[in-house]
C-alpha atoms as a PDB file:
ATOM      1  CA  MET A   1      19.590  24.549 -19.567  1.00  0.00           C
ATOM      2  CA  PRO A   2      18.647  23.883 -15.913  1.00  0.00           C
ATOM      3  CA  LYS A   3      21.383  22.232 -13.882  1.00  0.00           C
ATOM      4  CA  SER A   4      18.874  19.959 -12.174  1.00  0.00           C
ATOM      5  CA  ILE A   5      15.469  18.443 -12.858  1.00  0.00           C
ATOM      6  CA  LEU A   6      14.312  20.231  -9.720  1.00  0.00           C
ATOM      7  CA  GLN A   7      14.975  23.534 -11.493  1.00  0.00           C
ATOM      8  CA  ASP A   8      12.941  22.639 -14.586  1.00  0.00           C
ATOM      9  CA  PRO A   9       9.216  23.465 -14.075  1.00  0.00           C
ATOM     10  CA  LEU A  10       8.166  21.443 -17.132  1.00  0.00           C
ATOM     11  CA  LEU A  11       9.879  18.266 -15.957  1.00  0.00           C
ATOM     12  CA  LEU A  12       8.693  18.785 -12.396  1.00  0.00           C
ATOM     13  CA  SER A  13       5.096  18.918 -13.589  1.00  0.00           C
ATOM     14  CA  GLN A  14       5.450  15.374 -14.952  1.00  0.00           C
ATOM     15  CA  LEU A  15       6.753  13.873 -11.695  1.00  0.00           C
ATOM     16  CA  LYS A  16       4.895  12.433  -8.737  1.00  0.00           C
ATOM     17  CA  TRP A  17       5.444  13.951  -5.304  1.00  0.00           C
ATOM     18  CA  SER A  18       7.249  10.799  -4.174  1.00  0.00           C
ATOM     19  CA  GLU A  19       9.679  11.100  -7.101  1.00  0.00           C
ATOM     20  CA  ILE A  20      10.304  14.765  -6.294  1.00  0.00           C
ATOM     21  CA  GLU A  21      11.015  13.822  -2.641  1.00  0.00           C
ATOM     22  CA  ASP A  22      13.527  11.190  -3.763  1.00  0.00           C
ATOM     23  CA  LEU A  23      15.287  13.640  -6.098  1.00  0.00           C
ATOM     24  CA  LEU A  24      15.422  16.239  -3.342  1.00  0.00           C
ATOM     25  CA  CYS A  25      16.910  13.746  -0.889  1.00  0.00           C
ATOM     26  CA  LEU A  26      19.404  12.591  -3.499  1.00  0.00           C
ATOM     27  CA  GLU A  27      20.504  16.153  -4.201  1.00  0.00           C
ATOM     28  CA  VAL A  28      20.914  16.986  -0.508  1.00  0.00           C
ATOM     29  CA  PHE A  29      22.407  13.741   0.782  1.00  0.00           C
ATOM     30  CA  GLY A  30      24.468  12.944  -2.283  1.00  0.00           C
ATOM     31  CA  GLN A  31      26.555  16.102  -2.316  1.00  0.00           C
ATOM     32  CA  ASN A  32      29.369  14.712  -0.186  1.00  0.00           C
ATOM     33  CA  ARG A  33      29.800  11.050  -0.931  1.00  0.00           C
ATOM     34  CA  ARG A  34      31.998   9.250   1.559  1.00  0.00           C
ATOM     35  CA  ASP A  35      33.417   5.807   2.046  1.00  0.00           C
ATOM     36  CA  PRO A  36      30.478   3.421   2.621  1.00  0.00           C
ATOM     37  CA  LEU A  37      32.470   1.769   5.419  1.00  0.00           C
ATOM     38  CA  SER A  38      32.883   5.030   7.331  1.00  0.00           C
ATOM     39  CA  VAL A  39      32.252   4.522  11.053  1.00  0.00           C
ATOM     40  CA  HIS A  40      30.891   8.060  11.204  1.00  0.00           C
ATOM     41  CA  GLY A  41      27.933   7.219   9.004  1.00  0.00           C
ATOM     42  CA  LEU A  42      26.764   8.692   5.755  1.00  0.00           C
ATOM     43  CA  VAL A  43      23.920  10.978   6.820  1.00  0.00           C
ATOM     44  CA  ASN A  44      25.170  14.234   8.276  1.00  0.00           C
ATOM     45  CA  ILE A  45      22.032  15.369  10.049  1.00  0.00           C
ATOM     46  CA  ASP A  46      23.422  18.764  10.942  1.00  0.00           C
ATOM     47  CA  THR A  47      23.857  19.810   7.299  1.00  0.00           C
ATOM     48  CA  VAL A  48      20.413  18.744   6.040  1.00  0.00           C
ATOM     49  CA  ASP A  49      17.790  21.437   5.532  1.00  0.00           C
ATOM     50  CA  SER A  50      15.096  21.212   8.216  1.00  0.00           C
ATOM     51  CA  GLY A  51      12.233  21.141   5.727  1.00  0.00           C
ATOM     52  CA  VAL A  52      13.856  18.408   3.655  1.00  0.00           C
ATOM     53  CA  PHE A  53      14.563  16.391   6.784  1.00  0.00           C
ATOM     54  CA  ARG A  54      10.974  16.659   7.996  1.00  0.00           C
ATOM     55  CA  THR A  55       9.648  15.525   4.618  1.00  0.00           C
ATOM     56  CA  ALA A  56      12.064  12.621   4.309  1.00  0.00           C
ATOM     57  CA  PHE A  57      11.997  11.314   7.878  1.00  0.00           C
ATOM     58  CA  ARG A  58       8.706  12.647   9.344  1.00  0.00           C
ATOM     59  CA  PHE A  59      10.408  14.058  12.445  1.00  0.00           C
ATOM     60  CA  GLU A  60      12.136  17.383  13.006  1.00  0.00           C
ATOM     61  CA  LYS A  61      15.896  17.396  12.650  1.00  0.00           C
ATOM     62  CA  ASP A  62      16.367  18.797  16.152  1.00  0.00           C
ATOM     63  CA  ASP A  63      14.396  15.898  17.669  1.00  0.00           C
ATOM     64  CA  ILE A  64      15.946  12.911  15.909  1.00  0.00           C
ATOM     65  CA  ARG A  65      18.685  12.289  18.484  1.00  0.00           C
ATOM     66  CA  ARG A  66      16.208  12.774  21.321  1.00  0.00           C
ATOM     67  CA  LEU A  67      14.053  10.136  19.649  1.00  0.00           C
ATOM     68  CA  GLN A  68      17.070   7.859  19.305  1.00  0.00           C
ATOM     69  CA  ARG A  69      17.841   8.126  23.029  1.00  0.00           C
ATOM     70  CA  ALA A  70      14.223   7.616  24.055  1.00  0.00           C
ATOM     71  CA  LEU A  71      13.971   4.512  21.861  1.00  0.00           C
ATOM     72  CA  LEU A  72      17.154   3.138  23.475  1.00  0.00           C
ATOM     73  CA  ILE A  73      18.887   2.849  20.107  1.00  0.00           C
ATOM     74  CA  PRO A  74      22.646   2.562  20.755  1.00  0.00           C
ATOM     75  CA  ASP A  75      25.218   4.912  19.237  1.00  0.00           C
ATOM     76  CA  ALA A  76      26.407   2.062  17.016  1.00  0.00           C
ATOM     77  CA  LEU A  77      24.064  -0.644  15.784  1.00  0.00           C
ATOM     78  CA  THR A  78      25.344  -3.999  14.518  1.00  0.00           C
ATOM     79  CA  THR A  79      23.059  -6.020  12.253  1.00  0.00           C
ATOM     80  CA  PRO A  80      22.971  -9.850  12.096  1.00  0.00           C
ATOM     81  CA  GLN A  81      25.118  -9.513   8.955  1.00  0.00           C
ATOM     82  CA  ARG A  82      27.789  -7.846  11.125  1.00  0.00           C
ATOM     83  CA  VAL A  83      27.354  -4.447   9.517  1.00  0.00           C
ATOM     84  CA  THR A  84      27.863  -1.615  12.002  1.00  0.00           C
ATOM     85  CA  VAL A  85      25.825   1.536  11.423  1.00  0.00           C
ATOM     86  CA  PRO A  86      25.590   4.666  13.613  1.00  0.00           C
ATOM     87  CA  GLY A  87      22.386   4.650  15.641  1.00  0.00           C
ATOM     88  CA  ASP A  88      21.027   7.933  14.311  1.00  0.00           C
ATOM     89  CA  GLU A  89      21.651   6.821  10.733  1.00  0.00           C
ATOM     90  CA  ALA A  90      19.958   3.473  11.395  1.00  0.00           C
ATOM     91  CA  LEU A  91      16.910   5.305  12.726  1.00  0.00           C
ATOM     92  CA  CYS A  92      16.868   7.592   9.684  1.00  0.00           C
ATOM     93  CA  ILE A  93      17.120   4.613   7.329  1.00  0.00           C
ATOM     94  CA  THR A  94      14.122   3.002   9.019  1.00  0.00           C
ATOM     95  CA  LEU A  95      12.069   6.196   9.016  1.00  0.00           C
ATOM     96  CA  ARG A  96      12.796   6.808   5.345  1.00  0.00           C
ATOM     97  CA  ARG A  97      11.957   3.212   4.473  1.00  0.00           C
ATOM     98  CA  LEU A  98       8.595   3.487   6.231  1.00  0.00           C
ATOM     99  CA  ALA A  99       7.788   7.015   5.068  1.00  0.00           C
ATOM    100  CA  TYR A 100       6.977   5.944   1.537  1.00  0.00           C
ATOM    101  CA  PRO A 101       6.885   2.652  -0.427  1.00  0.00           C
ATOM    102  CA  ASN A 102      10.366   3.122  -1.857  1.00  0.00           C
ATOM    103  CA  ARG A 103      12.316   0.301  -3.390  1.00  0.00           C
ATOM    104  CA  LEU A 104      15.476  -0.420  -1.445  1.00  0.00           C
ATOM    105  CA  ARG A 105      17.612   0.192  -4.496  1.00  0.00           C
ATOM    106  CA  ASP A 106      16.084   3.681  -4.770  1.00  0.00           C
ATOM    107  CA  LEU A 107      17.441   4.427  -1.291  1.00  0.00           C
ATOM    108  CA  GLU A 108      20.964   3.312  -2.150  1.00  0.00           C
ATOM    109  CA  ASP A 109      21.724   6.720  -3.663  1.00  0.00           C
ATOM    110  CA  VAL A 110      20.300   8.488  -0.599  1.00  0.00           C
ATOM    111  CA  PHE A 111      22.347   6.648   2.024  1.00  0.00           C
ATOM    112  CA  TRP A 112      25.180   5.289  -0.158  1.00  0.00           C
ATOM    113  CA  ARG A 113      24.680   1.828   1.233  1.00  0.00           C
ATOM    114  CA  GLN A 114      23.760  -1.415  -0.481  1.00  0.00           C
ATOM    115  CA  SER A 115      20.109  -2.450  -0.472  1.00  0.00           C
ATOM    116  CA  SER A 116      20.934  -5.578   1.549  1.00  0.00           C
ATOM    117  CA  THR A 117      22.398  -3.368   4.292  1.00  0.00           C
ATOM    118  CA  LEU A 118      19.395  -1.030   4.228  1.00  0.00           C
ATOM    119  CA  SER A 119      17.035  -3.989   4.555  1.00  0.00           C
ATOM    120  CA  SER A 120      19.036  -5.497   7.405  1.00  0.00           C
ATOM    121  CA  VAL A 121      19.214  -2.190   9.286  1.00  0.00           C
ATOM    122  CA  THR A 122      15.466  -1.616   8.946  1.00  0.00           C
ATOM    123  CA  ASN A 123      14.648  -5.113  10.167  1.00  0.00           C
ATOM    124  CA  THR A 124      17.056  -4.739  13.094  1.00  0.00           C
ATOM    125  CA  ILE A 125      15.485  -1.460  14.226  1.00  0.00           C
ATOM    126  CA  LEU A 126      11.938  -2.835  13.924  1.00  0.00           C
ATOM    127  CA  GLN A 127      12.939  -5.913  15.907  1.00  0.00           C
ATOM    128  CA  HIS A 128      14.527  -3.651  18.537  1.00  0.00           C
ATOM    129  CA  LEU A 129      11.295  -1.648  18.849  1.00  0.00           C
ATOM    130  CA  GLU A 130       9.305  -4.847  19.219  1.00  0.00           C
ATOM    131  CA  GLU A 131      11.587  -6.261  21.908  1.00  0.00           C
ATOM    132  CA  LYS A 132      11.851  -3.055  23.945  1.00  0.00           C
ATOM    133  CA  PHE A 133       8.450  -1.401  23.537  1.00  0.00           C
ATOM    134  CA  SER A 134       5.843  -3.914  22.360  1.00  0.00           C
ATOM    135  CA  HIS A 135       4.353  -3.843  25.870  1.00  0.00           C
ATOM    136  CA  LEU A 136       3.138  -0.296  25.173  1.00  0.00           C
ATOM    137  CA  LEU A 137       0.795  -1.678  22.511  1.00  0.00           C
ATOM    138  CA  ASP A 138      -0.035  -4.990  24.191  1.00  0.00           C
ATOM    139  CA  ASP A 139      -1.941  -3.851  27.279  1.00  0.00           C
ATOM    140  CA  VAL A 140      -3.615  -0.635  28.442  1.00  0.00           C
ATOM    141  CA  ASN A 141      -2.322  -1.370  31.934  1.00  0.00           C
ATOM    142  CA  ASN A 142       1.307  -0.935  30.857  1.00  0.00           C
ATOM    143  CA  HIS A 143       1.098   2.876  30.702  1.00  0.00           C
ATOM    144  CA  PHE A 144       2.128   4.700  33.875  1.00  0.00           C
ATOM    145  CA  TRP A 145       0.204   7.812  32.837  1.00  0.00           C
ATOM    146  CA  LEU A 146      -3.088   5.946  32.241  1.00  0.00           C
ATOM    147  CA  ASN A 147      -4.693   5.856  35.688  1.00  0.00           C
ATOM    148  CA  ILE A 148      -8.068   6.651  37.257  1.00  0.00           C
ATOM    149  CA  ASP A 149      -7.395  10.391  37.345  1.00  0.00           C
ATOM    150  CA  THR A 150      -6.440  10.312  33.668  1.00  0.00           C
ATOM    151  CA  LEU A 151      -9.578   8.335  32.774  1.00  0.00           C
ATOM    152  CA  GLU A 152     -11.692  10.978  34.500  1.00  0.00           C
ATOM    153  CA  ARG A 153      -9.929  13.756  32.595  1.00  0.00           C
ATOM    154  CA  PHE A 154     -10.386  11.892  29.308  1.00  0.00           C
ATOM    155  CA  SER A 155     -14.087  11.322  30.036  1.00  0.00           C
ATOM    156  CA  GLN A 156     -14.645  14.998  30.745  1.00  0.00           C
ATOM    157  CA  ALA A 157     -12.877  16.000  27.519  1.00  0.00           C
ATOM    158  CA  ILE A 158     -14.996  13.618  25.418  1.00  0.00           C
ATOM    159  CA  HIS A 159     -18.225  14.732  27.106  1.00  0.00           C
ATOM    160  CA  ALA A 160     -17.259  18.361  26.512  1.00  0.00           C
ATOM    161  CA  LYS A 161     -17.195  17.685  22.750  1.00  0.00           C
ATOM    162  CA  GLY A 162     -20.843  16.646  22.804  1.00  0.00           C
ATOM    163  CA  ALA A 163     -20.753  12.978  23.796  1.00  0.00           C
ATOM    164  CA  PRO A 164     -23.847  12.029  25.857  1.00  0.00           C
ATOM    165  CA  LEU A 165     -21.798   9.531  27.878  1.00  0.00           C
ATOM    166  CA  ARG A 166     -20.023  11.055  30.854  1.00  0.00           C
ATOM    167  CA  ASN A 167     -17.821   8.046  31.593  1.00  0.00           C
ATOM    168  CA  CYS A 168     -16.427   7.247  28.123  1.00  0.00           C
ATOM    169  CA  TRP A 169     -12.640   7.615  28.091  1.00  0.00           C
ATOM    170  CA  GLY A 170     -11.646   6.104  24.717  1.00  0.00           C
ATOM    171  CA  PHE A 171     -12.688   4.429  21.487  1.00  0.00           C
ATOM    172  CA  ILE A 172     -12.138   0.969  20.029  1.00  0.00           C
ATOM    173  CA  ASP A 173     -12.189  -0.079  16.395  1.00  0.00           C
ATOM    174  CA  ASP A 174     -10.691  -2.496  13.892  1.00  0.00           C
ATOM    175  CA  THR A 175      -8.781  -1.576  10.763  1.00  0.00           C
ATOM    176  CA  ALA A 176      -8.104  -3.871   7.816  1.00  0.00           C
ATOM    177  CA  ARG A 177      -4.752  -3.266   6.116  1.00  0.00           C
ATOM    178  CA  PRO A 178      -4.563  -4.687   2.570  1.00  0.00           C
ATOM    179  CA  ILE A 179      -1.760  -7.144   1.852  1.00  0.00           C
ATOM    180  CA  CYS A 180      -0.340  -8.733  -1.258  1.00  0.00           C
ATOM    181  CA  ARG A 181      -2.277 -11.860  -2.199  1.00  0.00           C
ATOM    182  CA  PRO A 182      -0.579 -14.679  -0.276  1.00  0.00           C
ATOM    183  CA  SER A 183       0.500 -17.866  -1.990  1.00  0.00           C
ATOM    184  CA  GLN A 184      -1.090 -19.954   0.777  1.00  0.00           C
ATOM    185  CA  GLU A 185      -4.380 -19.793   2.727  1.00  0.00           C
ATOM    186  CA  GLN A 186      -5.794 -17.047   0.535  1.00  0.00           C
ATOM    187  CA  LYS A 187      -9.366 -17.661   1.708  1.00  0.00           C
ATOM    188  CA  ILE A 188      -8.508 -16.933   5.348  1.00  0.00           C
ATOM    189  CA  TYR A 189      -7.064 -13.523   4.533  1.00  0.00           C
ATOM    190  CA  PHE A 190      -9.685 -12.502   1.973  1.00  0.00           C
ATOM    191  CA  ARG A 191     -12.020  -9.751   3.148  1.00  0.00           C
ATOM    192  CA  GLY A 192     -15.187  -9.967   1.078  1.00  0.00           C
ATOM    193  CA  HIS A 193     -16.498  -6.530   2.055  1.00  0.00           C
ATOM    194  CA  LYS A 194     -13.615  -4.739   0.325  1.00  0.00           C
ATOM    195  CA  ARG A 195     -12.639  -7.688  -1.893  1.00  0.00           C
ATOM    196  CA  VAL A 196      -9.000  -7.574  -0.816  1.00  0.00           C
ATOM    197  CA  HIS A 197      -6.658  -9.796   1.159  1.00  0.00           C
ATOM    198  CA  ALA A 198      -5.961  -8.112   4.471  1.00  0.00           C
ATOM    199  CA  LEU A 199      -4.707  -8.271   8.032  1.00  0.00           C
ATOM    200  CA  LYS A 200      -6.856  -6.769  10.775  1.00  0.00           C
ATOM    201  CA  TYR A 201      -5.746  -4.862  13.847  1.00  0.00           C
ATOM    202  CA  GLN A 202      -7.786  -3.680  16.823  1.00  0.00           C
ATOM    203  CA  ALA A 203      -6.896  -0.397  18.515  1.00  0.00           C
ATOM    204  CA  ILE A 204      -7.985   1.633  21.521  1.00  0.00           C
ATOM    205  CA  MET A 205      -7.552   5.364  20.957  1.00  0.00           C
ATOM    206  CA  CYS A 206      -7.239   7.867  23.807  1.00  0.00           C
ATOM    207  CA  PRO A 207      -8.394  11.486  23.401  1.00  0.00           C
ATOM    208  CA  ASN A 208      -4.772  12.601  23.835  1.00  0.00           C
ATOM    209  CA  GLY A 209      -3.978  11.029  20.452  1.00  0.00           C
ATOM    210  CA  ILE A 210      -2.177   7.939  21.782  1.00  0.00           C
ATOM    211  CA  ILE A 211      -3.091   4.423  20.678  1.00  0.00           C
ATOM    212  CA  CYS A 212      -2.792   2.733  24.069  1.00  0.00           C
ATOM    213  CA  GLN A 213      -3.436  -0.812  22.849  1.00  0.00           C
ATOM    214  CA  LEU A 214      -3.051  -2.399  19.416  1.00  0.00           C
ATOM    215  CA  ASP A 215      -4.020  -6.055  19.051  1.00  0.00           C
ATOM    216  CA  GLY A 216      -3.440  -8.306  16.073  1.00  0.00           C
ATOM    217  CA  SER A 217      -2.821  -9.203  13.490  1.00  0.00           C
ATOM    218  CA  TYR A 218      -5.938 -11.196  12.623  1.00  0.00           C
ATOM    219  CA  PRO A 219      -6.866 -12.702   9.228  1.00  0.00           C
ATOM    220  CA  GLY A 220      -8.995 -10.376   7.127  1.00  0.00           C
ATOM    221  CA  SER A 221     -11.959 -12.764   7.044  1.00  0.00           C
ATOM    222  CA  LYS A 222     -12.437 -12.694  10.828  1.00  0.00           C
ATOM    223  CA  HIS A 223     -15.239 -10.642  12.396  1.00  0.00           C
ATOM    224  CA  ASP A 224     -14.531  -7.724  14.714  1.00  0.00           C
ATOM    225  CA  ALA A 225     -16.433  -9.353  17.581  1.00  0.00           C
ATOM    226  CA  GLY A 226     -14.350 -12.508  17.282  1.00  0.00           C
ATOM    227  CA  ASN A 227     -11.137 -10.490  17.292  1.00  0.00           C
ATOM    228  CA  PHE A 228     -12.375  -8.665  20.380  1.00  0.00           C
ATOM    229  CA  GLY A 229     -12.803 -11.960  22.206  1.00  0.00           C
ATOM    230  CA  LYS A 230      -9.393 -13.271  21.182  1.00  0.00           C
ATOM    231  CA  SER A 231      -7.654 -10.088  22.313  1.00  0.00           C
ATOM    232  CA  ASP A 232      -8.907 -10.492  25.903  1.00  0.00           C
ATOM    233  CA  VAL A 233      -9.132  -6.714  25.974  1.00  0.00           C
ATOM    234  CA  TYR A 234     -12.165  -6.733  28.272  1.00  0.00           C
ATOM    235  CA  THR A 235     -10.199  -8.410  31.050  1.00  0.00           C
ATOM    236  CA  LYS A 236      -7.533  -5.731  30.666  1.00  0.00           C
ATOM    237  CA  LEU A 237     -10.153  -2.967  30.792  1.00  0.00           C
ATOM    238  CA  THR A 238     -11.575  -4.449  33.987  1.00  0.00           C
ATOM    239  CA  SER A 239      -8.130  -4.348  35.560  1.00  0.00           C
ATOM    240  CA  LEU A 240      -7.573  -0.769  34.401  1.00  0.00           C
ATOM    241  CA  VAL A 241     -10.737   0.827  35.816  1.00  0.00           C
ATOM    242  CA  LYS A 242     -10.357  -0.836  39.252  1.00  0.00           C
ATOM    243  CA  GLY A 243     -14.082  -1.224  39.895  1.00  0.00           C
ATOM    244  CA  GLN A 244     -15.071   2.136  38.418  1.00  0.00           C
ATOM    245  CA  SER A 245     -17.551   2.497  35.535  1.00  0.00           C
ATOM    246  CA  TYR A 246     -15.272   4.088  32.937  1.00  0.00           C
ATOM    247  CA  CYS A 247     -16.006   2.613  29.513  1.00  0.00           C
ATOM    248  CA  ILE A 248     -14.875   2.729  25.899  1.00  0.00           C
ATOM    249  CA  TYR A 249     -17.106   3.085  22.843  1.00  0.00           C
ATOM    250  CA  GLY A 250     -17.141   0.963  19.685  1.00  0.00           C
ATOM    251  CA  ASP A 251     -19.192   0.398  16.551  1.00  0.00           C
ATOM    252  CA  PRO A 252     -22.212  -1.956  16.320  1.00  0.00           C
ATOM    253  CA  ALA A 253     -19.981  -4.972  15.590  1.00  0.00           C
ATOM    254  CA  TYR A 254     -18.815  -5.111  19.213  1.00  0.00           C
ATOM    255  CA  PRO A 255     -20.737  -6.809  22.039  1.00  0.00           C
ATOM    256  CA  LEU A 256     -22.470  -4.630  24.598  1.00  0.00           C
ATOM    257  CA  ARG A 257     -20.747  -4.833  27.976  1.00  0.00           C
ATOM    258  CA  PRO A 258     -20.672  -2.635  31.110  1.00  0.00           C
ATOM    259  CA  LEU A 259     -17.240  -1.289  30.097  1.00  0.00           C
ATOM    260  CA  LEU A 260     -17.937  -1.323  26.336  1.00  0.00           C
ATOM    261  CA  MET A 261     -20.738   0.789  24.905  1.00  0.00           C
ATOM    262  CA  LYS A 262     -22.028   0.760  21.322  1.00  0.00           C
ATOM    263  CA  PRO A 263     -24.805   2.466  19.295  1.00  0.00           C
ATOM    264  CA  TYR A 264     -28.476   1.578  19.585  1.00  0.00           C
ATOM    265  CA  GLY A 265     -29.047  -1.006  16.873  1.00  0.00           C
ATOM    266  CA  SER A 266     -32.788  -1.556  16.644  1.00  0.00           C
ATOM    267  CA  ALA A 267     -34.621  -0.693  13.440  1.00  0.00           C
ATOM    268  CA  HIS A 268     -37.163   1.260  15.485  1.00  0.00           C
ATOM    269  CA  ILE A 269     -35.210   3.564  17.754  1.00  0.00           C
ATOM    270  CA  THR A 270     -36.476   6.730  19.378  1.00  0.00           C
ATOM    271  CA  PRO A 271     -35.379  10.242  18.356  1.00  0.00           C
ATOM    272  CA  GLN A 272     -33.376  10.436  21.562  1.00  0.00           C
ATOM    273  CA  GLN A 273     -31.548   7.226  20.686  1.00  0.00           C
ATOM    274  CA  LYS A 274     -30.861   8.525  17.175  1.00  0.00           C
ATOM    275  CA  ALA A 275     -29.416  11.692  18.677  1.00  0.00           C
ATOM    276  CA  PHE A 276     -27.258   9.585  20.991  1.00  0.00           C
ATOM    277  CA  ASN A 277     -25.910   7.538  18.079  1.00  0.00           C
ATOM    278  CA  LYS A 278     -25.148  10.637  16.038  1.00  0.00           C
ATOM    279  CA  ALA A 279     -23.372  12.447  18.869  1.00  0.00           C
ATOM    280  CA  MET A 280     -21.246   9.430  19.767  1.00  0.00           C
ATOM    281  CA  SER A 281     -20.445   8.759  16.108  1.00  0.00           C
ATOM    282  CA  THR A 282     -19.067  12.281  15.820  1.00  0.00           C
ATOM    283  CA  VAL A 283     -16.539  11.811  18.610  1.00  0.00           C
ATOM    284  CA  ARG A 284     -15.807   8.164  17.748  1.00  0.00           C
ATOM    285  CA  GLN A 285     -14.221   9.214  14.461  1.00  0.00           C
ATOM    286  CA  ALA A 286     -11.115   9.986  16.514  1.00  0.00           C
ATOM    287  CA  VAL A 287     -10.019   6.362  16.250  1.00  0.00           C
ATOM    288  CA  GLU A 288     -10.170   6.637  12.450  1.00  0.00           C
ATOM    289  CA  TRP A 289      -7.903   9.685  12.645  1.00  0.00           C
ATOM    290  CA  GLY A 290      -5.429   7.581  14.596  1.00  0.00           C
ATOM    291  CA  PHE A 291      -5.299   4.886  11.918  1.00  0.00           C
ATOM    292  CA  GLY A 292      -5.056   7.616   9.301  1.00  0.00           C
ATOM    293  CA  LYS A 293      -2.037   9.141  10.996  1.00  0.00           C
ATOM    294  CA  ILE A 294      -0.152   5.837  10.914  1.00  0.00           C
ATOM    295  CA  VAL A 295      -0.539   5.342   7.171  1.00  0.00           C
ATOM    296  CA  GLY A 296      -0.220   9.068   6.510  1.00  0.00           C
ATOM    297  CA  LEU A 297       3.175   9.286   8.176  1.00  0.00           C
ATOM    298  CA  PHE A 298       4.374   5.837   7.146  1.00  0.00           C
ATOM    299  CA  ALA A 299       2.787   5.091   3.793  1.00  0.00           C
ATOM    300  CA  PHE A 300       4.858   1.929   3.361  1.00  0.00           C
ATOM    301  CA  CYS A 301       2.161   0.245   5.491  1.00  0.00           C
ATOM    302  CA  ASP A 302      -0.487   1.307   2.973  1.00  0.00           C
ATOM    303  CA  PHE A 303       1.211  -0.168  -0.112  1.00  0.00           C
ATOM    304  CA  LYS A 304      -0.187  -3.680  -0.323  1.00  0.00           C
ATOM    305  CA  LYS A 305       2.258  -4.910  -2.980  1.00  0.00           C
ATOM    306  CA  ASN A 306       5.027  -4.618  -0.387  1.00  0.00           C
ATOM    307  CA  GLN A 307       3.026  -6.283   2.393  1.00  0.00           C
ATOM    308  CA  LYS A 308       4.008  -9.897   1.717  1.00  0.00           C
ATOM    309  CA  ILE A 309       3.193 -12.038   4.735  1.00  0.00           C
ATOM    310  CA  CYS A 310       5.104 -15.063   3.436  1.00  0.00           C
ATOM    311  CA  ARG A 311       8.322 -13.065   3.030  1.00  0.00           C
ATOM    312  CA  GLN A 312       8.364 -10.524   5.847  1.00  0.00           C
ATOM    313  CA  ASN A 313       6.939  -9.826   9.280  1.00  0.00           C
ATOM    314  CA  VAL A 314       4.091  -7.547   8.189  1.00  0.00           C
ATOM    315  CA  PRO A 315       2.540  -7.136  11.686  1.00  0.00           C
ATOM    316  CA  ARG A 316       5.927  -6.024  13.047  1.00  0.00           C
ATOM    317  CA  ILE A 317       6.104  -3.314  10.382  1.00  0.00           C
ATOM    318  CA  PHE A 318       2.618  -1.988  11.157  1.00  0.00           C
ATOM    319  CA  LYS A 319       3.052  -2.082  14.925  1.00  0.00           C
ATOM    320  CA  GLY A 320       6.463  -0.438  14.657  1.00  0.00           C
ATOM    321  CA  SER A 321       4.867   2.294  12.567  1.00  0.00           C
ATOM    322  CA  ALA A 322       2.096   2.692  15.155  1.00  0.00           C
ATOM    323  CA  LEU A 323       4.671   3.060  17.936  1.00  0.00           C
ATOM    324  CA  LEU A 324       6.567   5.681  15.922  1.00  0.00           C
ATOM    325  CA  ALA A 325       3.287   7.484  15.189  1.00  0.00           C
ATOM    326  CA  ASN A 326       2.632   7.616  18.942  1.00  0.00           C
ATOM    327  CA  CYS A 327       6.124   9.072  19.402  1.00  0.00           C
ATOM    328  CA  HIS A 328       5.295  11.659  16.744  1.00  0.00           C
ATOM    329  CA  THR A 329       2.147  12.556  18.683  1.00  0.00           C
ATOM    330  CA  CYS A 330       4.142  12.957  21.903  1.00  0.00           C
ATOM    331  CA  LEU A 331       6.468  15.415  20.177  1.00  0.00           C
ATOM    332  CA  TYR A 332       4.109  17.356  17.913  1.00  0.00           C
ATOM    333  CA  SER A 333       0.560  16.571  19.094  1.00  0.00           C
ATOM    334  CA  ALA A 334      -2.077  15.146  16.737  1.00  0.00           C
ATOM    335  CA  GLN A 335      -5.482  15.870  15.251  1.00  0.00           C
ATOM    336  CA  VAL A 336      -7.150  13.813  17.976  1.00  0.00           C
ATOM    337  CA  SER A 337      -5.448  15.577  20.890  1.00  0.00           C
ATOM    338  CA  GLN A 338      -6.134  18.989  19.363  1.00  0.00           C
ATOM    339  CA  TYR A 339      -9.797  18.127  18.795  1.00  0.00           C
ATOM    340  CA  PHE A 340     -10.376  17.085  22.404  1.00  0.00           C
ATOM    341  CA  GLY A 341      -7.943  19.598  23.899  1.00  0.00           C
ATOM    342  CA  VAL A 342      -5.938  16.950  25.780  1.00  0.00           C
ATOM    343  CA  ASP A 343      -2.150  17.010  25.678  1.00  0.00           C
ATOM    344  CA  PRO A 344      -0.284  13.738  25.093  1.00  0.00           C
ATOM    345  CA  PRO A 345       2.457  12.632  27.500  1.00  0.00           C
ATOM    346  CA  SER A 346       6.029  13.647  26.805  1.00  0.00           C
ATOM    347  CA  LEU A 347       8.141  11.314  24.704  1.00  0.00           C
ATOM    348  CA  GLU A 348      10.179  10.192  27.698  1.00  0.00           C
ATOM    349  CA  VAL A 349       7.098   9.525  29.832  1.00  0.00           C
ATOM    350  CA  TYR A 350       5.422   7.521  27.066  1.00  0.00           C
ATOM    351  CA  LEU A 351       8.521   5.382  26.459  1.00  0.00           C
ATOM    352  CA  ALA A 352       9.437   5.017  30.131  1.00  0.00           C
ATOM    353  CA  PRO A 353      10.726   1.494  30.863  1.00  0.00           C
ATOM    354  CA  ARG A 354       8.604  -0.879  32.894  1.00  0.00           C
END
């Protein structure tokens, strides 16, 4: 008889990948159970297999403490419930919570902490990220590395991939993230196109793989053009380019402006205009890759039954995941940066304080 389900091929074939991940984490982390009140924490990072760690927490084991320092997470974190948790463990709890739509009670056996503590720690870390780093998603002008020279380099990289525009430095788009049907104001959040209740977010993606601005949330019924106006992003773009003609590119839903280009929309367009639309559509897919990376790394954001806007701060969860996805890009690159051949900033440069 196999000593573990993980050693039984027949049983393994009946399990989902998420269930196998949980069993693997339980086997690794549950070997040396310690006092739940231990001030030294319950996750011994140094003894965890690198592959298991990467799967469970999305970051490499050797980089987790560097990430903790860069995110200004203290060595000991105290929650509002007066529970003190080591900073690296608190970060791991949050990463594991976001990595997959686990139930909190399923994580009790991984961290040997009560579900109430796990929830409190996760909320505390997400609030910390919002308080310390929300400016990195609020305004394109808050990035030290995003200047005129960088815009020129970005424009050249995008043009080199076949874009007809020579002054396009980034891409803008909306994404609708499904949520659990709310008990109030259901009509506002209902998105008829996909027939789901949703929250919308608007992002600007750079060719180095960094989402440099993320606006929202907006109710799912609202149009992209209306969200664009509410975000005041055009004023911020005007400030960024300092009188230059560098622009971003969006889909047909956006208004045409000097600093915001979009496809030709007439029913009778010329072959040259069709070629323009096709070439720009090819490079514009980069913004979709950015959204895909967020939900790929942190699938909790993609599980609508857990996205309950009347019970939790859903926008904080998504924006925290976007910030962590940007950190992941800084450390390990991304599909977008590899496609355009533009390196992202280092983790410390990206998270540099204002």
